Amino acid sequence: MSDYYGRYLMKAVSLAELEQQYPQGFCQSLSMFGALSNESLQFLLQQGELLSVQPGDRLFSIGDVSEQFYVIIKGGVRFYQHRPEDDVSVPMRLYAEGEQIGFVGMIGLHARRGDAVVENEGYLLKISTELFHRLCEQYPEMFMIFLINITREMSREISHLDQMYADKN
């Protein structure tokens, strides 16, 4: 496989460090966090794992357990799927600022079906299954909004994949 695979070198950063990088309200403006209350967003940012990432950092690999997903605060993450017939990793999509990657595997309770590799330097918020559940318990109304935001993004992705399939056939 290609040399883009390799590192799990993501560095944990504090919320204070992140807030020094971006103006107040920056995270609230991201589509994944749209319409969340400030209190519930702060809960996610404080209880989740904030990560500083560099190109080449790997979030997950095919076959890994899906126990978390990531919201891209800044930067970009490329998702690859392996084509076994010719042993090639095919780049499927570049996930960008404000989007999530890894939710489908987590909510579907299946192992990772591809590899996620950081392409553009930035920051991610890692949300574990436990934190996702705690958000539901502590902020049920905001949890519903968060799910709507995730569903909206997944709907756009399905439409994009439908178009790609139609264009190939």
N, C-alpha and C. Protein backbone atom coordinates (compact mmCIF):
# COMPACT_ATOMS: atom_id res chain seq x y z
N MET A 1 0.83 -1.18 0.00
CA MET A 1 0.00 0.00 0.00
C MET A 1 0.88 1.25 0.00
N SER A 2 0.27 2.35 -0.30
CA SER A 2 1.01 3.60 -0.44
C SER A 2 1.61 4.06 0.87
N ASP A 3 2.53 5.00 0.78
CA ASP A 3 3.22 5.48 1.96
C ASP A 3 2.42 6.52 2.76
N TYR A 4 1.20 6.87 2.34
CA TYR A 4 0.41 7.82 3.12
C TYR A 4 -0.09 7.16 4.39
N TYR A 5 -0.02 5.84 4.45
CA TYR A 5 -0.41 5.14 5.66
C TYR A 5 0.71 5.26 6.66
N GLY A 6 0.35 5.32 7.90
CA GLY A 6 1.44 5.25 8.82
C GLY A 6 1.20 5.77 10.19
N ARG A 7 1.06 7.02 10.36
CA ARG A 7 1.22 7.60 11.68
C ARG A 7 -0.10 7.77 12.42
N TYR A 8 -0.05 7.51 13.69
CA TYR A 8 -1.12 7.85 14.61
C TYR A 8 -0.53 8.89 15.56
N LEU A 9 -0.07 10.02 15.02
CA LEU A 9 0.68 10.99 15.81
C LEU A 9 -0.15 12.19 16.25
N MET A 10 -1.43 12.07 16.18
CA MET A 10 -2.29 13.19 16.56
C MET A 10 -1.95 13.65 17.97
N LYS A 11 -1.95 14.94 18.16
CA LYS A 11 -1.58 15.52 19.46
C LYS A 11 -2.83 16.11 20.11
N ALA A 12 -3.07 15.73 21.36
CA ALA A 12 -4.20 16.30 22.10
C ALA A 12 -3.90 17.76 22.41
N VAL A 13 -4.93 18.60 22.27
CA VAL A 13 -4.81 20.02 22.61
C VAL A 13 -5.97 20.39 23.54
N SER A 14 -5.78 21.44 24.29
CA SER A 14 -6.84 21.90 25.20
C SER A 14 -7.81 22.80 24.45
N LEU A 15 -8.96 22.97 25.04
CA LEU A 15 -9.95 23.89 24.47
C LEU A 15 -9.39 25.31 24.45
N ALA A 16 -8.64 25.67 25.48
CA ALA A 16 -8.03 27.01 25.54
C ALA A 16 -7.07 27.22 24.37
N GLU A 17 -6.29 26.19 24.02
CA GLU A 17 -5.37 26.29 22.88
C GLU A 17 -6.16 26.48 21.58
N LEU A 18 -7.23 25.73 21.43
CA LEU A 18 -8.05 25.86 20.23
C LEU A 18 -8.67 27.25 20.14
N GLU A 19 -9.17 27.73 21.27
CA GLU A 19 -9.82 29.04 21.29
C GLU A 19 -8.85 30.17 20.99
N GLN A 20 -7.54 29.98 21.25
CA GLN A 20 -6.53 30.98 20.89
C GLN A 20 -6.36 31.06 19.38
N GLN A 21 -6.63 29.94 18.69
CA GLN A 21 -6.45 29.86 17.24
C GLN A 21 -7.62 30.48 16.46
N TYR A 22 -8.81 30.41 17.03
CA TYR A 22 -10.01 30.79 16.29
C TYR A 22 -10.87 31.76 17.11
N PRO A 23 -11.56 32.65 16.43
CA PRO A 23 -12.40 33.63 17.13
C PRO A 23 -13.58 32.96 17.83
N GLN A 24 -14.09 33.63 18.84
CA GLN A 24 -15.26 33.13 19.55
C GLN A 24 -16.40 32.93 18.55
N GLY A 25 -17.08 31.83 18.68
CA GLY A 25 -18.18 31.53 17.77
C GLY A 25 -17.77 30.74 16.54
N PHE A 26 -16.47 30.51 16.35
CA PHE A 26 -16.00 29.79 15.17
C PHE A 26 -16.62 28.40 15.09
N CYS A 27 -16.52 27.65 16.17
CA CYS A 27 -17.05 26.27 16.15
C CYS A 27 -18.56 26.26 15.95
N GLN A 28 -19.24 27.23 16.52
CA GLN A 28 -20.70 27.33 16.36
C GLN A 28 -21.08 27.49 14.89
N SER A 29 -20.18 28.09 14.10
CA SER A 29 -20.47 28.33 12.68
C SER A 29 -20.28 27.08 11.82
N LEU A 30 -19.69 26.02 12.35
CA LEU A 30 -19.47 24.80 11.58
C LEU A 30 -20.80 24.06 11.41
N SER A 31 -21.03 23.51 10.22
CA SER A 31 -22.32 22.89 9.93
C SER A 31 -22.68 21.76 10.90
N MET A 32 -21.71 21.01 11.35
CA MET A 32 -22.01 19.91 12.27
C MET A 32 -22.52 20.41 13.61
N PHE A 33 -22.16 21.63 13.98
CA PHE A 33 -22.56 22.19 15.26
C PHE A 33 -23.66 23.23 15.13
N GLY A 34 -24.14 23.45 13.92
CA GLY A 34 -25.15 24.47 13.69
C GLY A 34 -26.37 24.27 14.56
N ALA A 35 -26.86 25.34 15.17
CA ALA A 35 -28.07 25.39 16.00
C ALA A 35 -27.91 24.72 17.36
N LEU A 36 -26.71 24.22 17.70
CA LEU A 36 -26.52 23.69 19.05
C LEU A 36 -26.40 24.86 20.03
N SER A 37 -26.89 24.66 21.21
CA SER A 37 -26.73 25.68 22.24
C SER A 37 -25.25 25.80 22.59
N ASN A 38 -24.87 26.96 23.06
CA ASN A 38 -23.48 27.17 23.46
C ASN A 38 -23.09 26.18 24.56
N GLU A 39 -24.01 25.93 25.48
CA GLU A 39 -23.73 25.01 26.60
C GLU A 39 -23.46 23.59 26.10
N SER A 40 -24.28 23.10 25.17
CA SER A 40 -24.07 21.73 24.67
C SER A 40 -22.81 21.64 23.81
N LEU A 41 -22.53 22.69 23.05
CA LEU A 41 -21.30 22.70 22.25
C LEU A 41 -20.07 22.71 23.15
N GLN A 42 -20.11 23.53 24.20
CA GLN A 42 -19.00 23.55 25.15
C GLN A 42 -18.83 22.18 25.82
N PHE A 43 -19.93 21.51 26.10
CA PHE A 43 -19.88 20.17 26.66
C PHE A 43 -19.11 19.23 25.72
N LEU A 44 -19.45 19.26 24.44
CA LEU A 44 -18.76 18.41 23.47
C LEU A 44 -17.27 18.76 23.37
N LEU A 45 -16.99 20.05 23.30
CA LEU A 45 -15.60 20.49 23.14
C LEU A 45 -14.76 20.19 24.38
N GLN A 46 -15.38 20.27 25.56
CA GLN A 46 -14.65 20.01 26.80
C GLN A 46 -14.52 18.52 27.10
N GLN A 47 -15.55 17.77 26.79
CA GLN A 47 -15.56 16.34 27.12
C GLN A 47 -14.99 15.47 26.01
N GLY A 48 -15.03 15.97 24.79
CA GLY A 48 -14.44 15.24 23.67
C GLY A 48 -12.93 15.40 23.68
N GLU A 49 -12.29 14.77 22.73
CA GLU A 49 -10.83 14.87 22.64
C GLU A 49 -10.49 15.76 21.45
N LEU A 50 -9.92 16.92 21.74
CA LEU A 50 -9.48 17.84 20.69
C LEU A 50 -8.09 17.42 20.24
N LEU A 51 -7.91 17.32 18.93
CA LEU A 51 -6.66 16.82 18.38
C LEU A 51 -6.09 17.78 17.35
N SER A 52 -4.80 17.99 17.42
CA SER A 52 -4.06 18.70 16.39
C SER A 52 -3.51 17.63 15.45
N VAL A 53 -3.78 17.77 14.15
CA VAL A 53 -3.39 16.73 13.20
C VAL A 53 -2.54 17.30 12.07
N GLN A 54 -1.70 16.44 11.52
CA GLN A 54 -0.80 16.79 10.42
C GLN A 54 -1.05 15.84 9.26
N PRO A 55 -0.73 16.25 8.04
CA PRO A 55 -0.87 15.34 6.90
C PRO A 55 -0.14 14.03 7.17
N GLY A 56 -0.82 12.94 6.87
CA GLY A 56 -0.28 11.61 7.09
C GLY A 56 -0.76 10.95 8.36
N ASP A 57 -1.28 11.72 9.31
CA ASP A 57 -1.84 11.12 10.53
C ASP A 57 -3.03 10.26 10.13
N ARG A 58 -3.11 9.09 10.72
CA ARG A 58 -4.19 8.16 10.39
C ARG A 58 -5.21 8.16 11.53
N LEU A 59 -6.48 8.35 11.19
CA LEU A 59 -7.55 8.31 12.20
C LEU A 59 -7.96 6.88 12.48
N PHE A 60 -8.12 6.11 11.41
CA PHE A 60 -8.49 4.71 11.56
C PHE A 60 -8.14 3.96 10.29
N SER A 61 -8.10 2.63 10.43
CA SER A 61 -7.76 1.75 9.31
C SER A 61 -8.85 0.71 9.12
N ILE A 62 -8.90 0.16 7.94
CA ILE A 62 -9.88 -0.88 7.65
C ILE A 62 -9.76 -1.99 8.69
N GLY A 63 -10.91 -2.42 9.20
CA GLY A 63 -10.96 -3.47 10.21
C GLY A 63 -10.95 -2.98 11.64
N ASP A 64 -10.56 -1.72 11.88
CA ASP A 64 -10.57 -1.18 13.24
C ASP A 64 -11.99 -1.17 13.80
N VAL A 65 -12.09 -1.26 15.10
CA VAL A 65 -13.38 -1.14 15.79
C VAL A 65 -13.86 0.30 15.66
N SER A 66 -15.15 0.47 15.43
CA SER A 66 -15.75 1.81 15.25
C SER A 66 -16.35 2.29 16.57
N GLU A 67 -15.54 2.90 17.39
CA GLU A 67 -16.00 3.34 18.71
C GLU A 67 -16.03 4.85 18.84
N GLN A 68 -15.83 5.57 17.76
CA GLN A 68 -15.83 7.02 17.79
C GLN A 68 -15.98 7.58 16.37
N PHE A 69 -16.28 8.86 16.31
CA PHE A 69 -16.23 9.56 15.04
C PHE A 69 -15.55 10.90 15.29
N TYR A 70 -15.25 11.60 14.22
CA TYR A 70 -14.48 12.83 14.31
C TYR A 70 -15.21 13.96 13.58
N VAL A 71 -15.23 15.13 14.19
CA VAL A 71 -15.72 16.34 13.53
C VAL A 71 -14.49 17.15 13.14
N ILE A 72 -14.43 17.53 11.88
CA ILE A 72 -13.29 18.30 11.39
C ILE A 72 -13.54 19.77 11.69
N ILE A 73 -12.73 20.31 12.57
CA ILE A 73 -12.84 21.72 12.94
C ILE A 73 -12.08 22.57 11.92
N LYS A 74 -10.94 22.09 11.52
CA LYS A 74 -10.12 22.75 10.49
C LYS A 74 -9.31 21.67 9.82
N GLY A 75 -9.09 21.80 8.51
CA GLY A 75 -8.27 20.83 7.79
C GLY A 75 -9.10 19.93 6.90
N GLY A 76 -8.54 18.76 6.60
CA GLY A 76 -9.23 17.82 5.73
C GLY A 76 -8.73 16.41 5.96
N VAL A 77 -9.64 15.44 5.82
CA VAL A 77 -9.34 14.03 6.00
C VAL A 77 -9.83 13.28 4.76
N ARG A 78 -8.93 12.50 4.18
CA ARG A 78 -9.27 11.70 3.00
C ARG A 78 -9.65 10.29 3.45
N PHE A 79 -10.75 9.78 2.86
CA PHE A 79 -11.19 8.41 3.12
C PHE A 79 -10.84 7.55 1.92
N TYR A 80 -10.23 6.39 2.20
CA TYR A 80 -9.81 5.44 1.16
C TYR A 80 -10.50 4.11 1.38
N GLN A 81 -10.84 3.45 0.27
CA GLN A 81 -11.30 2.07 0.34
C GLN A 81 -10.33 1.22 -0.47
N HIS A 82 -10.13 0.00 0.02
CA HIS A 82 -9.18 -0.90 -0.61
C HIS A 82 -9.88 -1.73 -1.68
N ARG A 83 -9.24 -1.82 -2.83
CA ARG A 83 -9.75 -2.65 -3.93
C ARG A 83 -8.84 -3.88 -4.00
N PRO A 84 -9.29 -5.00 -3.43
CA PRO A 84 -8.41 -6.17 -3.29
C PRO A 84 -7.97 -6.80 -4.61
N GLU A 85 -8.79 -6.69 -5.65
CA GLU A 85 -8.43 -7.37 -6.91
C GLU A 85 -7.11 -6.87 -7.51
N ASP A 86 -6.77 -5.61 -7.26
CA ASP A 86 -5.48 -5.11 -7.74
C ASP A 86 -4.66 -4.47 -6.62
N ASP A 87 -5.04 -4.72 -5.38
CA ASP A 87 -4.33 -4.24 -4.19
C ASP A 87 -4.05 -2.74 -4.24
N VAL A 88 -5.11 -1.99 -4.53
CA VAL A 88 -5.00 -0.53 -4.63
C VAL A 88 -5.95 0.10 -3.62
N SER A 89 -5.50 1.16 -3.00
CA SER A 89 -6.36 1.97 -2.14
C SER A 89 -6.91 3.12 -2.96
N VAL A 90 -8.21 3.20 -3.03
CA VAL A 90 -8.89 4.18 -3.87
C VAL A 90 -9.37 5.35 -3.00
N PRO A 91 -8.93 6.58 -3.32
CA PRO A 91 -9.44 7.74 -2.57
C PRO A 91 -10.91 7.96 -2.92
N MET A 92 -11.75 7.97 -1.89
CA MET A 92 -13.19 8.09 -2.11
C MET A 92 -13.69 9.51 -1.92
N ARG A 93 -13.22 10.16 -0.86
CA ARG A 93 -13.77 11.48 -0.55
C ARG A 93 -12.84 12.23 0.38
N LEU A 94 -12.80 13.54 0.20
CA LEU A 94 -12.09 14.42 1.12
C LEU A 94 -13.13 15.08 2.02
N TYR A 95 -13.05 14.79 3.30
CA TYR A 95 -13.95 15.40 4.29
C TYR A 95 -13.32 16.70 4.74
N ALA A 96 -14.12 17.75 4.80
CA ALA A 96 -13.60 19.09 5.05
C ALA A 96 -14.16 19.69 6.33
N GLU A 97 -13.73 20.89 6.59
CA GLU A 97 -14.13 21.66 7.76
C GLU A 97 -15.64 21.61 7.98
N GLY A 98 -16.03 21.29 9.22
CA GLY A 98 -17.45 21.26 9.57
C GLY A 98 -18.12 19.93 9.32
N GLU A 99 -17.43 18.97 8.70
CA GLU A 99 -18.01 17.67 8.41
C GLU A 99 -17.52 16.64 9.42
N GLN A 100 -18.17 15.49 9.42
CA GLN A 100 -17.77 14.40 10.31
C GLN A 100 -17.29 13.23 9.47
N ILE A 101 -16.45 12.40 10.07
CA ILE A 101 -16.03 11.16 9.43
C ILE A 101 -16.02 10.07 10.50
N GLY A 102 -16.57 8.93 10.15
CA GLY A 102 -16.56 7.78 11.04
C GLY A 102 -17.87 7.48 11.73
N PHE A 103 -18.87 8.35 11.58
CA PHE A 103 -20.14 8.14 12.26
C PHE A 103 -20.85 6.88 11.76
N VAL A 104 -20.80 6.63 10.46
CA VAL A 104 -21.54 5.50 9.88
C VAL A 104 -21.09 4.19 10.51
N GLY A 105 -19.80 3.98 10.64
CA GLY A 105 -19.30 2.76 11.25
C GLY A 105 -19.70 2.65 12.70
N MET A 106 -19.62 3.77 13.41
CA MET A 106 -19.95 3.77 14.83
C MET A 106 -21.42 3.44 15.05
N ILE A 107 -22.30 4.13 14.33
CA ILE A 107 -23.73 3.93 14.54
C ILE A 107 -24.19 2.60 13.95
N GLY A 108 -23.48 2.11 12.91
CA GLY A 108 -23.82 0.84 12.28
C GLY A 108 -23.24 -0.37 12.99
N LEU A 109 -22.42 -0.12 14.00
CA LEU A 109 -21.80 -1.18 14.80
C LEU A 109 -21.01 -2.16 13.94
N HIS A 110 -20.27 -1.62 12.98
CA HIS A 110 -19.42 -2.49 12.17
C HIS A 110 -17.99 -1.95 12.16
N ALA A 111 -17.07 -2.84 11.85
CA ALA A 111 -15.66 -2.45 11.77
C ALA A 111 -15.48 -1.43 10.64
N ARG A 112 -14.41 -0.68 10.73
CA ARG A 112 -14.12 0.31 9.70
C ARG A 112 -13.96 -0.38 8.35
N ARG A 113 -14.53 0.24 7.34
CA ARG A 113 -14.53 -0.33 6.00
C ARG A 113 -13.57 0.40 5.07
N GLY A 114 -12.69 1.17 5.66
CA GLY A 114 -11.69 1.89 4.87
C GLY A 114 -10.71 2.56 5.81
N ASP A 115 -9.88 3.40 5.22
CA ASP A 115 -8.85 4.11 5.97
C ASP A 115 -9.12 5.61 5.91
N ALA A 116 -8.89 6.28 7.02
CA ALA A 116 -9.04 7.74 7.09
C ALA A 116 -7.68 8.34 7.43
N VAL A 117 -7.19 9.18 6.51
CA VAL A 117 -5.86 9.76 6.64
C VAL A 117 -5.96 11.28 6.50
N VAL A 118 -5.33 11.99 7.42
CA VAL A 118 -5.34 13.45 7.38
C VAL A 118 -4.60 13.91 6.14
N GLU A 119 -5.24 14.79 5.39
CA GLU A 119 -4.63 15.35 4.19
C GLU A 119 -4.18 16.79 4.40
N ASN A 120 -4.97 17.55 5.16
CA ASN A 120 -4.66 18.95 5.42
C ASN A 120 -4.56 19.19 6.92
N GLU A 121 -3.50 19.82 7.33
CA GLU A 121 -3.27 20.14 8.74
C GLU A 121 -4.49 20.80 9.36
N GLY A 122 -4.73 20.50 10.63
CA GLY A 122 -5.85 21.15 11.29
C GLY A 122 -6.15 20.60 12.66
N TYR A 123 -7.45 20.67 13.01
CA TYR A 123 -7.93 20.24 14.32
C TYR A 123 -9.19 19.40 14.14
N LEU A 124 -9.30 18.38 14.98
CA LEU A 124 -10.46 17.50 14.98
C LEU A 124 -11.02 17.40 16.39
N LEU A 125 -12.29 17.09 16.47
CA LEU A 125 -12.92 16.74 17.74
C LEU A 125 -13.30 15.28 17.66
N LYS A 126 -12.72 14.47 18.53
CA LYS A 126 -13.03 13.04 18.59
C LYS A 126 -14.18 12.85 19.57
N ILE A 127 -15.26 12.24 19.09
CA ILE A 127 -16.44 12.00 19.91
C ILE A 127 -16.62 10.49 20.04
N SER A 128 -16.45 9.98 21.24
CA SER A 128 -16.58 8.55 21.51
C SER A 128 -18.05 8.16 21.61
N THR A 129 -18.31 6.87 21.55
CA THR A 129 -19.69 6.39 21.74
C THR A 129 -20.21 6.80 23.12
N GLU A 130 -19.32 6.76 24.10
CA GLU A 130 -19.72 7.15 25.46
C GLU A 130 -20.13 8.62 25.52
N LEU A 131 -19.35 9.50 24.91
CA LEU A 131 -19.68 10.93 24.91
C LEU A 131 -20.97 11.18 24.12
N PHE A 132 -21.14 10.49 23.02
CA PHE A 132 -22.36 10.61 22.22
C PHE A 132 -23.57 10.26 23.07
N HIS A 133 -23.46 9.19 23.85
CA HIS A 133 -24.55 8.77 24.74
C HIS A 133 -24.78 9.80 25.85
N ARG A 134 -23.70 10.32 26.41
CA ARG A 134 -23.83 11.32 27.47
C ARG A 134 -24.50 12.60 26.95
N LEU A 135 -24.19 12.99 25.71
CA LEU A 135 -24.86 14.15 25.12
C LEU A 135 -26.36 13.90 25.06
N CYS A 136 -26.75 12.70 24.67
CA CYS A 136 -28.16 12.33 24.60
C CYS A 136 -28.83 12.45 25.97
N GLU A 137 -28.16 11.98 27.00
CA GLU A 137 -28.72 12.02 28.35
C GLU A 137 -28.79 13.44 28.92
N GLN A 138 -27.74 14.22 28.72
CA GLN A 138 -27.67 15.53 29.37
C GLN A 138 -28.32 16.65 28.57
N TYR A 139 -28.36 16.51 27.25
CA TYR A 139 -28.92 17.56 26.38
C TYR A 139 -29.80 16.90 25.31
N PRO A 140 -30.91 16.28 25.70
CA PRO A 140 -31.72 15.53 24.72
C PRO A 140 -32.19 16.36 23.52
N GLU A 141 -32.58 17.61 23.75
CA GLU A 141 -33.04 18.43 22.62
C GLU A 141 -31.88 18.78 21.69
N MET A 142 -30.72 19.07 22.26
CA MET A 142 -29.55 19.38 21.45
C MET A 142 -29.02 18.13 20.74
N PHE A 143 -29.19 16.97 21.39
CA PHE A 143 -28.81 15.72 20.77
C PHE A 143 -29.61 15.51 19.48
N MET A 144 -30.90 15.81 19.53
CA MET A 144 -31.74 15.67 18.33
C MET A 144 -31.25 16.60 17.22
N ILE A 145 -30.90 17.81 17.57
CA ILE A 145 -30.38 18.76 16.57
C ILE A 145 -29.06 18.25 16.00
N PHE A 146 -28.19 17.74 16.87
CA PHE A 146 -26.91 17.18 16.43
C PHE A 146 -27.16 16.03 15.45
N LEU A 147 -28.11 15.16 15.76
CA LEU A 147 -28.44 14.06 14.85
C LEU A 147 -28.99 14.57 13.52
N ILE A 148 -29.78 15.62 13.57
CA ILE A 148 -30.28 16.21 12.32
C ILE A 148 -29.12 16.74 11.49
N ASN A 149 -28.16 17.40 12.13
CA ASN A 149 -26.98 17.91 11.41
C ASN A 149 -26.20 16.77 10.77
N ILE A 150 -26.01 15.67 11.51
CA ILE A 150 -25.30 14.51 10.98
C ILE A 150 -26.08 13.90 9.82
N THR A 151 -27.38 13.75 10.00
CA THR A 151 -28.23 13.16 8.97
C THR A 151 -28.25 14.01 7.71
N ARG A 152 -28.30 15.32 7.88
CA ARG A 152 -28.27 16.22 6.73
C ARG A 152 -26.99 16.03 5.93
N GLU A 153 -25.86 15.95 6.63
CA GLU A 153 -24.60 15.74 5.93
C GLU A 153 -24.57 14.38 5.22
N MET A 154 -25.05 13.34 5.90
CA MET A 154 -25.08 12.02 5.29
C MET A 154 -26.00 11.99 4.08
N SER A 155 -27.09 12.73 4.13
CA SER A 155 -28.00 12.82 2.99
C SER A 155 -27.30 13.45 1.78
N ARG A 156 -26.54 14.50 2.04
CA ARG A 156 -25.78 15.14 0.95
C ARG A 156 -24.76 14.17 0.36
N GLU A 157 -24.14 13.40 1.23
CA GLU A 157 -23.15 12.44 0.76
C GLU A 157 -23.80 11.36 -0.09
N ILE A 158 -24.96 10.86 0.32
CA ILE A 158 -25.67 9.85 -0.46
C ILE A 158 -26.04 10.41 -1.83
N SER A 159 -26.51 11.64 -1.87
CA SER A 159 -26.85 12.27 -3.15
C SER A 159 -25.62 12.38 -4.04
N HIS A 160 -24.49 12.74 -3.45
CA HIS A 160 -23.24 12.84 -4.20
C HIS A 160 -22.83 11.46 -4.75
N LEU A 161 -22.94 10.43 -3.92
CA LEU A 161 -22.60 9.08 -4.37
C LEU A 161 -23.54 8.60 -5.46
N ASP A 162 -24.83 8.91 -5.34
CA ASP A 162 -25.79 8.57 -6.39
C ASP A 162 -25.39 9.20 -7.71
N GLN A 163 -24.99 10.47 -7.66
CA GLN A 163 -24.59 11.16 -8.88
C GLN A 163 -23.32 10.56 -9.47
N MET A 164 -22.36 10.22 -8.61
CA MET A 164 -21.14 9.58 -9.09
C MET A 164 -21.46 8.25 -9.78
N TYR A 165 -22.34 7.48 -9.21
CA TYR A 165 -22.74 6.20 -9.79
C TYR A 165 -23.43 6.43 -11.14
N ALA A 166 -24.34 7.40 -11.19
CA ALA A 166 -25.04 7.70 -12.44
C ALA A 166 -24.07 8.15 -13.52
N ASP A 167 -23.08 8.93 -13.16
CA ASP A 167 -22.10 9.42 -14.13
C ASP A 167 -21.23 8.31 -14.67
N LYS A 168 -21.00 7.24 -13.91
CA LYS A 168 -20.16 6.12 -14.35
C LYS A 168 -20.93 5.16 -15.24
N ASN A 169 -22.27 5.16 -15.13
CA ASN A 169 -23.07 4.19 -15.90
C ASN A 169 -23.81 4.82 -17.05
